């Protein structure tokens, strides 16, 4: 018998098993409504981030060689190059990566031949590693992965070839790949004007819609790709618009495996601002109204320019203090992080590696399976990942 609207039984901790059986007989007329999972709120610190980093608790793990591979040359710096890092947010589910883990891209450098395969790996907070996606030989992955709640991930792939006659290794325009929950490509986007040596990646996810921001270090352009996501049944994704939103960033061209240009991106969903770290411009720019703007005709608003405290900015991340953490070479000659407020005022620096030239991706996570807030940085000099815990008190 179909229950009346007045009869809406509920369960609590004192209900007996028989009560649950009664409810089960009412299906499909009655079903218990499950709570909707909400990701944890981003923690905001009211003081600068770098002074709160607990340097004594830093954890460092090697990334090379990637899982299932060996180093063919025996020299790490000649065979692999670290790309970018992304924390898997809470509420996102993937087959080989779980919330709080770090997805890291590592590229095989085809110096003297095709080189080893590039891949994206998941790294746990204690250094455990697992392969998430592996590309073909001669394809480098410079970007960090991007994450969508529906189960899609995205990476930028740059085909790279070695000329045995001239000894020159050159990069081609490349493509943007959208992966499903098991790391298989479900969409490939090619456009030489909008995807040309992708090195930086950021995103905004609104559930049924999403946008990807890509920085390109061959033509010096920043692009935005807008998507519609369908989550009923098997999730699917459709590209709705592709737009150039910035340009004019200095690059080193394509005749290299070490692409330099607008390499680091960080999106602020509070102010709809995209921050761009441009290595050769020695600057960090801000693109206002990033989710809506069309071509600016330039790189955007200058936030940090030729700072004496930081050179060659490679990565940028909006910190829990609502400041900018920028990786690069410090005035001391070491590689590390510098912190600036959103108006470009210098706050402080922290050396993470004694040698210069090791700057790479930087990001942060406010809850890493019990370890608390941490800054996560990749070091290009020794191909390692560093977890730098933040003291909350």
Foldseek 3Di string as FASTA:
>chain_A
DADDPVDADDDDPPDDPVVVVVVVVNPPNHDDDDDDDDFDDQFFDQDDFVVQWDVVPKDKEFCPPPPPDHQPVPDVLQFKFWAAKDAATPLAAADQEHHLWIKTKMQTDQQPHQGDWIFIWTAAPNGDIDTQEIDDGQKGWREYWEDENLFKIKTWIWGWDADPVVSWIFTFQTWMFIAGRRGHTPDIDDDSVAGGQWRYWDKDYPDQKIKIWTAHQAQFWIKIWIWGWDRPDRIDIDTDDIATAAGDWDWPHTRDPPTFFQRAWEADPVQRKIWTQHQVQQFIAIRGVVVDGHYPVHHHHTQAGPDLAFHRWHYWYQDSNRWIWTWFAGNQQATWTWTAHRNNHTDGIDGDGRHHDFFHYKYWDQDNPPQGTWIWGAGRVRNMIMTTGGRRD
